[in-house]
PDB file of all heavy atoms in Angstrom:
ATOM      1  N   ASP A   1     -27.478  -5.450  -8.004  1.00  0.00           N
ATOM      2  CA  ASP A   1     -28.471  -4.672  -7.250  1.00  0.00           C
ATOM      3  C   ASP A   1     -29.172  -3.624  -8.113  1.00  0.00           C
ATOM      4  O   ASP A   1     -29.751  -2.674  -7.585  1.00  0.00           O
ATOM      5  CB  ASP A   1     -27.821  -3.973  -6.047  1.00  0.00           C
ATOM      6  CG  ASP A   1     -27.195  -4.961  -5.074  1.00  0.00           C
ATOM      7  OD1 ASP A   1     -27.647  -6.130  -5.060  1.00  0.00           O
ATOM      8  OD2 ASP A   1     -26.260  -4.584  -4.351  1.00  0.00           O
ATOM      9  N   GLY A   2     -29.067  -3.751  -9.438  1.00  0.00           N
ATOM     10  CA  GLY A   2     -29.723  -2.771 -10.304  1.00  0.00           C
ATOM     11  C   GLY A   2     -29.070  -1.408 -10.285  1.00  0.00           C
ATOM     12  O   GLY A   2     -29.657  -0.439 -10.799  1.00  0.00           O
ATOM     13  N   ILE A   3     -27.883  -1.292  -9.729  1.00  0.00           N
ATOM     14  CA  ILE A   3     -27.180  -0.001  -9.637  1.00  0.00           C
ATOM     15  C   ILE A   3     -26.126   0.065 -10.732  1.00  0.00           C
ATOM     16  O   ILE A   3     -25.467  -0.925 -11.048  1.00  0.00           O
ATOM     17  CB  ILE A   3     -26.539   0.161  -8.253  1.00  0.00           C
ATOM     18  CG1 ILE A   3     -27.618   0.125  -7.173  1.00  0.00           C
ATOM     19  CG2 ILE A   3     -25.746   1.462  -8.165  1.00  0.00           C
ATOM     20  CD1 ILE A   3     -27.076   0.173  -5.763  1.00  0.00           C
ATOM     21  N   GLU A   4     -25.964   1.254 -11.316  1.00  0.00           N
ATOM     22  CA  GLU A   4     -24.947   1.434 -12.344  1.00  0.00           C
ATOM     23  C   GLU A   4     -23.578   1.076 -11.774  1.00  0.00           C
ATOM     24  O   GLU A   4     -23.217   1.515 -10.663  1.00  0.00           O
ATOM     25  CB  GLU A   4     -24.933   2.879 -12.837  1.00  0.00           C
ATOM     26  CG  GLU A   4     -26.162   3.272 -13.647  1.00  0.00           C
ATOM     27  CD  GLU A   4     -26.248   2.467 -14.938  1.00  0.00           C
ATOM     28  OE1 GLU A   4     -25.194   2.206 -15.550  1.00  0.00           O
ATOM     29  OE2 GLU A   4     -27.375   2.094 -15.332  1.00  0.00           O
ATOM     30  N   PRO A   5     -22.775   0.282 -12.512  1.00  0.00           N
ATOM     31  CA  PRO A   5     -21.499  -0.191 -11.960  1.00  0.00           C
ATOM     32  C   PRO A   5     -20.387   0.857 -11.965  1.00  0.00           C
ATOM     33  O   PRO A   5     -19.410   0.718 -11.221  1.00  0.00           O
ATOM     34  CB  PRO A   5     -21.142  -1.353 -12.890  1.00  0.00           C
ATOM     35  CG  PRO A   5     -21.789  -1.026 -14.188  1.00  0.00           C
ATOM     36  CD  PRO A   5     -23.077  -0.328 -13.823  1.00  0.00           C
ATOM     37  N   GLU A   6     -20.513   1.902 -12.790  1.00  0.00           N
ATOM     38  CA  GLU A   6     -19.410   2.854 -12.920  1.00  0.00           C
ATOM     39  C   GLU A   6     -19.010   3.509 -11.600  1.00  0.00           C
ATOM     40  O   GLU A   6     -17.807   3.585 -11.281  1.00  0.00           O
ATOM     41  CB  GLU A   6     -19.748   3.940 -13.959  1.00  0.00           C
ATOM     42  CG  GLU A   6     -19.671   3.473 -15.398  1.00  0.00           C
ATOM     43  CD  GLU A   6     -20.893   2.676 -15.815  1.00  0.00           C
ATOM     44  OE1 GLU A   6     -21.865   2.599 -15.022  1.00  0.00           O
ATOM     45  OE2 GLU A   6     -20.897   2.127 -16.938  1.00  0.00           O
ATOM     46  N   PRO A   7     -19.971   3.999 -10.776  1.00  0.00           N
ATOM     47  CA  PRO A   7     -19.551   4.599  -9.504  1.00  0.00           C
ATOM     48  C   PRO A   7     -18.828   3.609  -8.595  1.00  0.00           C
ATOM     49  O   PRO A   7     -17.859   3.989  -7.900  1.00  0.00           O
ATOM     50  CB  PRO A   7     -20.878   5.061  -8.888  1.00  0.00           C
ATOM     51  CG  PRO A   7     -21.789   5.249 -10.042  1.00  0.00           C
ATOM     52  CD  PRO A   7     -21.415   4.175 -11.011  1.00  0.00           C
ATOM     53  N   ARG A   8     -19.261   2.349  -8.591  1.00  0.00           N
ATOM     54  CA  ARG A   8     -18.606   1.354  -7.756  1.00  0.00           C
ATOM     55  C   ARG A   8     -17.225   1.006  -8.305  1.00  0.00           C
ATOM     56  O   ARG A   8     -16.294   0.746  -7.531  1.00  0.00           O
ATOM     57  CB  ARG A   8     -19.469   0.102  -7.650  1.00  0.00           C
ATOM     58  CG  ARG A   8     -20.745   0.334  -6.864  1.00  0.00           C
ATOM     59  CD  ARG A   8     -21.584  -0.926  -6.726  1.00  0.00           C
ATOM     60  NE  ARG A   8     -22.741  -0.699  -5.867  1.00  0.00           N
ATOM     61  CZ  ARG A   8     -23.640  -1.615  -5.553  1.00  0.00           C
ATOM     62  NH1 ARG A   8     -23.527  -2.849  -6.050  1.00  0.00           N
ATOM     63  NH2 ARG A   8     -24.661  -1.323  -4.764  1.00  0.00           N
ATOM     64  N   TYR A   9     -17.103   1.011  -9.635  1.00  0.00           N
ATOM     65  CA  TYR A   9     -15.785   0.782 -10.231  1.00  0.00           C
ATOM     66  C   TYR A   9     -14.835   1.917  -9.848  1.00  0.00           C
ATOM     67  O   TYR A   9     -13.663   1.684  -9.519  1.00  0.00           O
ATOM     68  CB  TYR A   9     -15.899   0.682 -11.751  1.00  0.00           C
ATOM     69  CG  TYR A   9     -14.557   0.611 -12.447  1.00  0.00           C
ATOM     70  CD1 TYR A   9     -13.845  -0.590 -12.514  1.00  0.00           C
ATOM     71  CD2 TYR A   9     -14.005   1.750 -13.028  1.00  0.00           C
ATOM     72  CE1 TYR A   9     -12.619  -0.658 -13.136  1.00  0.00           C
ATOM     73  CE2 TYR A   9     -12.766   1.692 -13.659  1.00  0.00           C
ATOM     74  CZ  TYR A   9     -12.075   0.491 -13.708  1.00  0.00           C
ATOM     75  OH  TYR A   9     -10.848   0.430 -14.317  1.00  0.00           O
ATOM     76  N   ASP A  10     -15.320   3.150  -9.910  1.00  0.00           N
ATOM     77  CA  ASP A  10     -14.492   4.300  -9.540  1.00  0.00           C
ATOM     78  C   ASP A  10     -14.068   4.206  -8.067  1.00  0.00           C
ATOM     79  O   ASP A  10     -12.926   4.538  -7.722  1.00  0.00           O
ATOM     80  CB  ASP A  10     -15.249   5.601  -9.788  1.00  0.00           C
ATOM     81  CG  ASP A  10     -15.482   5.857 -11.283  1.00  0.00           C
ATOM     82  OD1 ASP A  10     -14.742   5.276 -12.101  1.00  0.00           O
ATOM     83  OD2 ASP A  10     -16.399   6.638 -11.610  1.00  0.00           O
ATOM     84  N   ALA A  11     -14.983   3.769  -7.219  1.00  0.00           N
ATOM     85  CA  ALA A  11     -14.660   3.622  -5.793  1.00  0.00           C
ATOM     86  C   ALA A  11     -13.585   2.553  -5.598  1.00  0.00           C
ATOM     87  O   ALA A  11     -12.669   2.711  -4.777  1.00  0.00           O
ATOM     88  CB  ALA A  11     -15.914   3.266  -5.002  1.00  0.00           C
ATOM     89  N   LEU A  12     -13.690   1.458  -6.349  1.00  0.00           N
ATOM     90  CA  LEU A  12     -12.679   0.411  -6.272  1.00  0.00           C
ATOM     91  C   LEU A  12     -11.334   0.923  -6.754  1.00  0.00           C
ATOM     92  O   LEU A  12     -10.296   0.622  -6.146  1.00  0.00           O
ATOM     93  CB  LEU A  12     -13.119  -0.791  -7.111  1.00  0.00           C
ATOM     94  CG  LEU A  12     -12.102  -1.931  -7.244  1.00  0.00           C
ATOM     95  CD1 LEU A  12     -11.740  -2.506  -5.876  1.00  0.00           C
ATOM     96  CD2 LEU A  12     -12.644  -3.025  -8.159  1.00  0.00           C
ATOM     97  N   ASN A  13     -11.336   1.700  -7.810  1.00  0.00           N
ATOM     98  CA  ASN A  13     -10.093   2.256  -8.335  1.00  0.00           C
ATOM     99  C   ASN A  13      -9.423   3.155  -7.311  1.00  0.00           C
ATOM    100  O   ASN A  13      -8.203   3.101  -7.110  1.00  0.00           O
ATOM    101  CB  ASN A  13     -10.375   3.039  -9.614  1.00  0.00           C
ATOM    102  CG  ASN A  13      -9.325   2.815 -10.676  1.00  0.00           C
ATOM    103  OD1 ASN A  13      -8.229   2.368 -10.378  1.00  0.00           O
ATOM    104  ND2 ASN A  13      -9.653   3.135 -11.919  1.00  0.00           N
ATOM    105  N   ARG A  14     -10.212   3.996  -6.648  1.00  0.00           N
ATOM    106  CA  ARG A  14      -9.652   4.891  -5.622  1.00  0.00           C
ATOM    107  C   ARG A  14      -9.103   4.094  -4.445  1.00  0.00           C
ATOM    108  O   ARG A  14      -8.032   4.412  -3.904  1.00  0.00           O
ATOM    109  CB  ARG A  14     -10.720   5.882  -5.153  1.00  0.00           C
ATOM    110  CG  ARG A  14     -11.098   6.939  -6.188  1.00  0.00           C
ATOM    111  CD  ARG A  14     -11.940   8.031  -5.558  1.00  0.00           C
ATOM    112  NE  ARG A  14     -13.186   7.530  -5.016  1.00  0.00           N
ATOM    113  CZ  ARG A  14     -14.326   7.436  -5.713  1.00  0.00           C
ATOM    114  NH1 ARG A  14     -14.348   7.807  -6.988  1.00  0.00           N
ATOM    115  NH2 ARG A  14     -15.428   6.992  -5.154  1.00  0.00           N
ATOM    116  N   ALA A  15      -9.844   3.077  -4.046  1.00  0.00           N
ATOM    117  CA  ALA A  15      -9.395   2.235  -2.936  1.00  0.00           C
ATOM    118  C   ALA A  15      -8.090   1.524  -3.288  1.00  0.00           C
ATOM    119  O   ALA A  15      -7.195   1.395  -2.453  1.00  0.00           O
ATOM    120  CB  ALA A  15     -10.479   1.220  -2.563  1.00  0.00           C
ATOM    121  N   PHE A  16      -7.985   1.053  -4.530  1.00  0.00           N
ATOM    122  CA  PHE A  16      -6.757   0.397  -4.969  1.00  0.00           C
ATOM    123  C   PHE A  16      -5.576   1.362  -4.943  1.00  0.00           C
ATOM    124  O   PHE A  16      -4.473   1.009  -4.497  1.00  0.00           O
ATOM    125  CB  PHE A  16      -6.937  -0.175  -6.371  1.00  0.00           C
ATOM    126  CG  PHE A  16      -5.655  -0.688  -6.970  1.00  0.00           C
ATOM    127  CD1 PHE A  16      -5.142  -1.929  -6.599  1.00  0.00           C
ATOM    128  CD2 PHE A  16      -4.947   0.086  -7.885  1.00  0.00           C
ATOM    129  CE1 PHE A  16      -3.950  -2.396  -7.131  1.00  0.00           C
ATOM    130  CE2 PHE A  16      -3.758  -0.381  -8.426  1.00  0.00           C
ATOM    131  CZ  PHE A  16      -3.259  -1.616  -8.059  1.00  0.00           C
ATOM    132  N   ASP A  17      -5.787   2.575  -5.448  1.00  0.00           N
ATOM    133  CA  ASP A  17      -4.709   3.570  -5.450  1.00  0.00           C
ATOM    134  C   ASP A  17      -4.211   3.847  -4.036  1.00  0.00           C
ATOM    135  O   ASP A  17      -3.006   3.973  -3.792  1.00  0.00           O
ATOM    136  CB  ASP A  17      -5.182   4.864  -6.108  1.00  0.00           C
ATOM    137  CG  ASP A  17      -5.361   4.715  -7.621  1.00  0.00           C
ATOM    138  OD1 ASP A  17      -4.788   3.767  -8.188  1.00  0.00           O
ATOM    139  OD2 ASP A  17      -6.060   5.559  -8.217  1.00  0.00           O
ATOM    140  N   GLU A  18      -5.150   3.937  -3.088  1.00  0.00           N
ATOM    141  CA  GLU A  18      -4.761   4.179  -1.698  1.00  0.00           C
ATOM    142  C   GLU A  18      -4.029   2.961  -1.135  1.00  0.00           C
ATOM    143  O   GLU A  18      -3.045   3.109  -0.388  1.00  0.00           O
ATOM    144  CB  GLU A  18      -5.992   4.497  -0.857  1.00  0.00           C
ATOM    145  CG  GLU A  18      -5.672   4.851   0.586  1.00  0.00           C
ATOM    146  CD  GLU A  18      -4.774   6.066   0.718  1.00  0.00           C
ATOM    147  OE1 GLU A  18      -4.832   6.963  -0.151  1.00  0.00           O
ATOM    148  OE2 GLU A  18      -3.997   6.114   1.694  1.00  0.00           O
ATOM    149  N   SER A  19      -4.474   1.764  -1.487  1.00  0.00           N
ATOM    150  CA  SER A  19      -3.765   0.553  -1.056  1.00  0.00           C
ATOM    151  C   SER A  19      -2.347   0.533  -1.599  1.00  0.00           C
ATOM    152  O   SER A  19      -1.406   0.119  -0.917  1.00  0.00           O
ATOM    153  CB  SER A  19      -4.518  -0.700  -1.526  1.00  0.00           C
ATOM    154  OG  SER A  19      -5.753  -0.840  -0.862  1.00  0.00           O
ATOM    155  N   GLN A  20      -2.183   0.968  -2.828  1.00  0.00           N
ATOM    156  CA  GLN A  20      -0.860   0.995  -3.450  1.00  0.00           C
ATOM    157  C   GLN A  20       0.062   1.960  -2.709  1.00  0.00           C
ATOM    158  O   GLN A  20       1.242   1.661  -2.475  1.00  0.00           O
ATOM    159  CB  GLN A  20      -0.981   1.409  -4.917  1.00  0.00           C
ATOM    160  CG  GLN A  20       0.320   1.346  -5.707  1.00  0.00           C
ATOM    161  CD  GLN A  20       0.867  -0.061  -5.821  1.00  0.00           C
ATOM    162  OE1 GLN A  20       0.106  -1.016  -5.917  1.00  0.00           O
ATOM    163  NE2 GLN A  20       2.178  -0.197  -5.798  1.00  0.00           N
ATOM    164  N   ARG A  21      -0.464   3.108  -2.319  1.00  0.00           N
ATOM    165  CA  ARG A  21       0.354   4.074  -1.559  1.00  0.00           C
ATOM    166  C   ARG A  21       0.771   3.494  -0.213  1.00  0.00           C
ATOM    167  O   ARG A  21       1.928   3.666   0.212  1.00  0.00           O
ATOM    168  CB  ARG A  21      -0.425   5.378  -1.375  1.00  0.00           C
ATOM    169  CG  ARG A  21      -0.473   6.250  -2.616  1.00  0.00           C
ATOM    170  CD  ARG A  21      -1.019   7.627  -2.301  1.00  0.00           C
ATOM    171  NE  ARG A  21      -2.447   7.579  -2.012  1.00  0.00           N
ATOM    172  CZ  ARG A  21      -3.389   7.713  -2.934  1.00  0.00           C
ATOM    173  NH1 ARG A  21      -3.066   7.869  -4.203  1.00  0.00           N
ATOM    174  NH2 ARG A  21      -4.670   7.688  -2.609  1.00  0.00           N
ATOM    175  N   ARG A  22      -0.139   2.820   0.437  1.00  0.00           N
ATOM    176  CA  ARG A  22       0.193   2.248   1.739  1.00  0.00           C
ATOM    177  C   ARG A  22       1.129   1.047   1.595  1.00  0.00           C
ATOM    178  O   ARG A  22       1.959   0.808   2.480  1.00  0.00           O
ATOM    179  CB  ARG A  22      -1.085   1.869   2.484  1.00  0.00           C
ATOM    180  CG  ARG A  22      -1.966   3.082   2.753  1.00  0.00           C
ATOM    181  CD  ARG A  22      -3.125   2.810   3.668  1.00  0.00           C
ATOM    182  NE  ARG A  22      -4.002   3.967   3.738  1.00  0.00           N
ATOM    183  CZ  ARG A  22      -5.020   4.087   4.588  1.00  0.00           C
ATOM    184  NH1 ARG A  22      -5.281   3.111   5.444  1.00  0.00           N
ATOM    185  NH2 ARG A  22      -5.774   5.172   4.580  1.00  0.00           N
ATOM    186  N   LYS A  23       1.010   0.319   0.502  1.00  0.00           N
ATOM    187  CA  LYS A  23       1.946  -0.765   0.231  1.00  0.00           C
ATOM    188  C   LYS A  23       3.357  -0.210   0.064  1.00  0.00           C
ATOM    189  O   LYS A  23       4.333  -0.799   0.554  1.00  0.00           O
ATOM    190  CB  LYS A  23       1.537  -1.514  -1.041  1.00  0.00           C
ATOM    191  CG  LYS A  23       2.555  -2.560  -1.482  1.00  0.00           C
ATOM    192  CD  LYS A  23       2.233  -3.101  -2.858  1.00  0.00           C
ATOM    193  CE  LYS A  23       3.268  -4.114  -3.321  1.00  0.00           C
ATOM    194  NZ  LYS A  23       4.618  -3.532  -3.453  1.00  0.00           N
ATOM    195  N   GLU A  24       3.491   0.889  -0.649  1.00  0.00           N
ATOM    196  CA  GLU A  24       4.811   1.488  -0.853  1.00  0.00           C
ATOM    197  C   GLU A  24       5.424   1.932   0.471  1.00  0.00           C
ATOM    198  O   GLU A  24       6.637   1.766   0.688  1.00  0.00           O
ATOM    199  CB  GLU A  24       4.692   2.663  -1.823  1.00  0.00           C
ATOM    200  CG  GLU A  24       4.354   2.232  -3.257  1.00  0.00           C
ATOM    201  CD  GLU A  24       3.985   3.393  -4.144  1.00  0.00           C
ATOM    202  OE1 GLU A  24       3.929   4.539  -3.639  1.00  0.00           O
ATOM    203  OE2 GLU A  24       3.727   3.163  -5.350  1.00  0.00           O
ATOM    204  N   ALA A  25       4.606   2.475   1.365  1.00  0.00           N
ATOM    205  CA  ALA A  25       5.109   2.861   2.687  1.00  0.00           C
ATOM    206  C   ALA A  25       5.569   1.629   3.465  1.00  0.00           C
ATOM    207  O   ALA A  25       6.621   1.641   4.118  1.00  0.00           O
ATOM    208  CB  ALA A  25       4.031   3.611   3.464  1.00  0.00           C
ATOM    209  N   PHE A  26       4.791   0.565   3.388  1.00  0.00           N
ATOM    210  CA  PHE A  26       5.154  -0.696   4.044  1.00  0.00           C
ATOM    211  C   PHE A  26       6.473  -1.228   3.498  1.00  0.00           C
ATOM    212  O   PHE A  26       7.366  -1.629   4.252  1.00  0.00           O
ATOM    213  CB  PHE A  26       4.029  -1.709   3.832  1.00  0.00           C
ATOM    214  CG  PHE A  26       4.303  -3.087   4.372  1.00  0.00           C
ATOM    215  CD1 PHE A  26       4.114  -3.370   5.714  1.00  0.00           C
ATOM    216  CD2 PHE A  26       4.739  -4.096   3.524  1.00  0.00           C
ATOM    217  CE1 PHE A  26       4.359  -4.651   6.204  1.00  0.00           C
ATOM    218  CE2 PHE A  26       4.983  -5.372   4.014  1.00  0.00           C
ATOM    219  CZ  PHE A  26       4.796  -5.643   5.357  1.00  0.00           C
ATOM    220  N   SER A  27       6.629  -1.224   2.179  1.00  0.00           N
ATOM    221  CA  SER A  27       7.834  -1.763   1.552  1.00  0.00           C
ATOM    222  C   SER A  27       9.073  -0.947   1.920  1.00  0.00           C
ATOM    223  O   SER A  27      10.173  -1.508   2.021  1.00  0.00           O
ATOM    224  CB  SER A  27       7.658  -1.797   0.028  1.00  0.00           C
ATOM    225  OG  SER A  27       6.636  -2.707  -0.340  1.00  0.00           O
ATOM    226  N   ARG A  28       8.900   0.353   2.111  1.00  0.00           N
ATOM    227  CA  ARG A  28      10.061   1.175   2.511  1.00  0.00           C
ATOM    228  C   ARG A  28      10.602   0.732   3.864  1.00  0.00           C
ATOM    229  O   ARG A  28      11.829   0.674   4.061  1.00  0.00           O
ATOM    230  CB  ARG A  28       9.666   2.662   2.545  1.00  0.00           C
ATOM    231  CG  ARG A  28       9.561   3.294   1.168  1.00  0.00           C
ATOM    232  CD  ARG A  28       9.524   4.803   1.252  1.00  0.00           C
ATOM    233  NE  ARG A  28       8.314   5.285   1.902  1.00  0.00           N
ATOM    234  CZ  ARG A  28       7.189   5.566   1.260  1.00  0.00           C
ATOM    235  NH1 ARG A  28       7.110   5.378  -0.054  1.00  0.00           N
ATOM    236  NH2 ARG A  28       6.129   6.026   1.903  1.00  0.00           N
ATOM    237  N   TYR A  29       9.716   0.400   4.790  1.00  0.00           N
ATOM    238  CA  TYR A  29      10.177  -0.080   6.102  1.00  0.00           C
ATOM    239  C   TYR A  29      10.774  -1.483   5.995  1.00  0.00           C
ATOM    240  O   TYR A  29      11.763  -1.791   6.666  1.00  0.00           O
ATOM    241  CB  TYR A  29       9.034  -0.058   7.107  1.00  0.00           C
ATOM    242  CG  TYR A  29       8.782   1.309   7.684  1.00  0.00           C
ATOM    243  CD1 TYR A  29       7.727   2.101   7.225  1.00  0.00           C
ATOM    244  CD2 TYR A  29       9.614   1.828   8.667  1.00  0.00           C
ATOM    245  CE1 TYR A  29       7.503   3.363   7.742  1.00  0.00           C
ATOM    246  CE2 TYR A  29       9.396   3.093   9.186  1.00  0.00           C
ATOM    247  CZ  TYR A  29       8.343   3.864   8.719  1.00  0.00           C
ATOM    248  OH  TYR A  29       8.137   5.123   9.220  1.00  0.00           O
ATOM    249  N   ILE A  30      10.191  -2.327   5.152  1.00  0.00           N
ATOM    250  CA  ILE A  30      10.734  -3.668   4.971  1.00  0.00           C
ATOM    251  C   ILE A  30      12.154  -3.603   4.412  1.00  0.00           C
ATOM    252  O   ILE A  30      13.000  -4.450   4.703  1.00  0.00           O
ATOM    253  CB  ILE A  30       9.824  -4.491   4.034  1.00  0.00           C
ATOM    254  CG1 ILE A  30       8.445  -4.706   4.673  1.00  0.00           C
ATOM    255  CG2 ILE A  30      10.452  -5.835   3.689  1.00  0.00           C
ATOM    256  CD1 ILE A  30       8.481  -5.434   5.997  1.00  0.00           C
ATOM    257  N   GLU A  31      12.418  -2.581   3.627  1.00  0.00           N
ATOM    258  CA  GLU A  31      13.758  -2.397   3.069  1.00  0.00           C
ATOM    259  C   GLU A  31      14.710  -1.751   4.076  1.00  0.00           C
ATOM    260  O   GLU A  31      15.905  -2.087   4.110  1.00  0.00           O
ATOM    261  CB  GLU A  31      13.672  -1.527   1.807  1.00  0.00           C
ATOM    262  CG  GLU A  31      15.008  -1.280   1.137  1.00  0.00           C
ATOM    263  CD  GLU A  31      14.891  -0.411  -0.107  1.00  0.00           C
ATOM    264  OE1 GLU A  31      13.754  -0.101  -0.513  1.00  0.00           O
ATOM    265  OE2 GLU A  31      15.936  -0.047  -0.668  1.00  0.00           O
ATOM    266  N   ALA A  32      14.197  -0.849   4.908  1.00  0.00           N
ATOM    267  CA  ALA A  32      15.064  -0.082   5.806  1.00  0.00           C
ATOM    268  C   ALA A  32      15.429  -0.839   7.082  1.00  0.00           C
ATOM    269  O   ALA A  32      16.554  -0.703   7.589  1.00  0.00           O
ATOM    270  CB  ALA A  32      14.393   1.247   6.170  1.00  0.00           C
ATOM    271  N   ILE A  33      14.514  -1.615   7.616  1.00  0.00           N
ATOM    272  CA  ILE A  33      14.749  -2.261   8.905  1.00  0.00           C
ATOM    273  C   ILE A  33      15.936  -3.208   8.888  1.00  0.00           C
ATOM    274  O   ILE A  33      16.737  -3.208   9.848  1.00  0.00           O
ATOM    275  CB  ILE A  33      13.462  -2.953   9.394  1.00  0.00           C
ATOM    276  CG1 ILE A  33      12.445  -1.901   9.832  1.00  0.00           C
ATOM    277  CG2 ILE A  33      13.750  -3.916  10.545  1.00  0.00           C
ATOM    278  CD1 ILE A  33      11.079  -2.449  10.202  1.00  0.00           C
ATOM    279  N   PRO A  34      16.151  -4.035   7.848  1.00  0.00           N
ATOM    280  CA  PRO A  34      17.340  -4.897   7.867  1.00  0.00           C
ATOM    281  C   PRO A  34      18.647  -4.119   8.001  1.00  0.00           C
ATOM    282  O   PRO A  34      19.575  -4.582   8.681  1.00  0.00           O
ATOM    283  CB  PRO A  34      17.248  -5.631   6.517  1.00  0.00           C
ATOM    284  CG  PRO A  34      15.794  -5.678   6.228  1.00  0.00           C
ATOM    285  CD  PRO A  34      15.268  -4.356   6.708  1.00  0.00           C
ATOM    286  N   ARG A  35      18.721  -2.962   7.355  1.00  0.00           N
ATOM    287  CA  ARG A  35      19.940  -2.158   7.493  1.00  0.00           C
ATOM    288  C   ARG A  35      20.117  -1.671   8.928  1.00  0.00           C
ATOM    289  O   ARG A  35      21.236  -1.652   9.458  1.00  0.00           O
ATOM    290  CB  ARG A  35      19.890  -0.962   6.530  1.00  0.00           C
ATOM    291  CG  ARG A  35      19.906  -1.349   5.050  1.00  0.00           C
ATOM    292  CD  ARG A  35      20.234  -0.137   4.180  1.00  0.00           C
ATOM    293  NE  ARG A  35      19.202   0.883   4.288  1.00  0.00           N
ATOM    294  CZ  ARG A  35      18.161   0.982   3.465  1.00  0.00           C
ATOM    295  NH1 ARG A  35      17.998   0.076   2.502  1.00  0.00           N
ATOM    296  NH2 ARG A  35      17.278   1.945   3.618  1.00  0.00           N
ATOM    297  N   SER A  36      19.011  -1.293   9.564  1.00  0.00           N
ATOM    298  CA  SER A  36      19.086  -0.827  10.951  1.00  0.00           C
ATOM    299  C   SER A  36      19.482  -1.962  11.894  1.00  0.00           C
ATOM    300  O   SER A  36      20.240  -1.747  12.842  1.00  0.00           O
ATOM    301  CB  SER A  36      17.742  -0.241  11.385  1.00  0.00           C
ATOM    302  OG  SER A  36      17.420   0.912  10.643  1.00  0.00           O
ATOM    303  N   VAL A  37      18.976  -3.161  11.630  1.00  0.00           N
ATOM    304  CA  VAL A  37      19.346  -4.307  12.466  1.00  0.00           C
ATOM    305  C   VAL A  37      20.825  -4.618  12.303  1.00  0.00           C
ATOM    306  O   VAL A  37      21.531  -4.879  13.286  1.00  0.00           O
ATOM    307  CB  VAL A  37      18.487  -5.537  12.110  1.00  0.00           C
ATOM    308  CG1 VAL A  37      18.994  -6.772  12.843  1.00  0.00           C
ATOM    309  CG2 VAL A  37      17.026  -5.283  12.480  1.00  0.00           C
ATOM    310  N   ASP A  38      21.328  -4.584  11.076  1.00  0.00           N
ATOM    311  CA  ASP A  38      22.757  -4.830  10.848  1.00  0.00           C
ATOM    312  C   ASP A  38      23.606  -3.810  11.600  1.00  0.00           C
ATOM    313  O   ASP A  38      24.617  -4.170  12.223  1.00  0.00           O
ATOM    314  CB  ASP A  38      23.075  -4.766   9.351  1.00  0.00           C
ATOM    315  CG  ASP A  38      22.543  -5.969   8.589  1.00  0.00           C
ATOM    316  OD1 ASP A  38      22.222  -6.989   9.234  1.00  0.00           O
ATOM    317  OD2 ASP A  38      22.436  -5.878   7.353  1.00  0.00           O
ATOM    318  N   THR A  39      23.195  -2.544  11.552  1.00  0.00           N
ATOM    319  CA  THR A  39      23.933  -1.494  12.258  1.00  0.00           C
ATOM    320  C   THR A  39      23.904  -1.730  13.763  1.00  0.00           C
ATOM    321  O   THR A  39      24.915  -1.562  14.456  1.00  0.00           O
ATOM    322  CB  THR A  39      23.337  -0.116  11.933  1.00  0.00           C
ATOM    323  OG1 THR A  39      23.412   0.106  10.522  1.00  0.00           O
ATOM    324  CG2 THR A  39      24.097   0.997  12.645  1.00  0.00           C
ATOM    325  N   MET A  40      22.744  -2.130  14.287  1.00  0.00           N
ATOM    326  CA  MET A  40      22.623  -2.408  15.715  1.00  0.00           C
ATOM    327  C   MET A  40      23.548  -3.547  16.127  1.00  0.00           C
ATOM    328  O   MET A  40      24.257  -3.459  17.139  1.00  0.00           O
ATOM    329  CB  MET A  40      21.176  -2.771  16.051  1.00  0.00           C
ATOM    330  CG  MET A  40      20.958  -3.139  17.514  1.00  0.00           C
ATOM    331  SD  MET A  40      19.395  -4.035  17.805  1.00  0.00           S
ATOM    332  CE  MET A  40      19.774  -5.637  17.061  1.00  0.00           C
ATOM    333  N   LEU A  41      23.557  -4.627  15.358  1.00  0.00           N
ATOM    334  CA  LEU A  41      24.378  -5.778  15.704  1.00  0.00           C
ATOM    335  C   LEU A  41      25.871  -5.450  15.616  1.00  0.00           C
ATOM    336  O   LEU A  41      26.666  -5.919  16.440  1.00  0.00           O
ATOM    337  CB  LEU A  41      24.039  -6.949  14.786  1.00  0.00           C
ATOM    338  CG  LEU A  41      22.637  -7.555  14.972  1.00  0.00           C
ATOM    339  CD1 LEU A  41      22.349  -8.592  13.892  1.00  0.00           C
ATOM    340  CD2 LEU A  41      22.486  -8.175  16.356  1.00  0.00           C
ATOM    341  N   GLU A  42      26.251  -4.637  14.637  1.00  0.00           N
ATOM    342  CA  GLU A  42      27.649  -4.230  14.522  1.00  0.00           C
ATOM    343  C   GLU A  42      28.074  -3.397  15.735  1.00  0.00           C
ATOM    344  O   GLU A  42      29.180  -3.573  16.268  1.00  0.00           O
ATOM    345  CB  GLU A  42      27.855  -3.438  13.239  1.00  0.00           C
ATOM    346  CG  GLU A  42      27.761  -4.282  11.974  1.00  0.00           C
ATOM    347  CD  GLU A  42      27.770  -3.442  10.708  1.00  0.00           C
ATOM    348  OE1 GLU A  42      27.889  -2.195  10.836  1.00  0.00           O
ATOM    349  OE2 GLU A  42      27.659  -4.013   9.607  1.00  0.00           O
TER     350      GLU A  42
END
């Protein structure tokens, strides 16, 4: 589109960093829930 790519690259980088933070939050629950289910069943 004739626009300098650097600002869009920076925006992508920021979006990726935020995705990474939310992925880590998701993974913490994926790790914690099995332990809670085991405790419930016991």
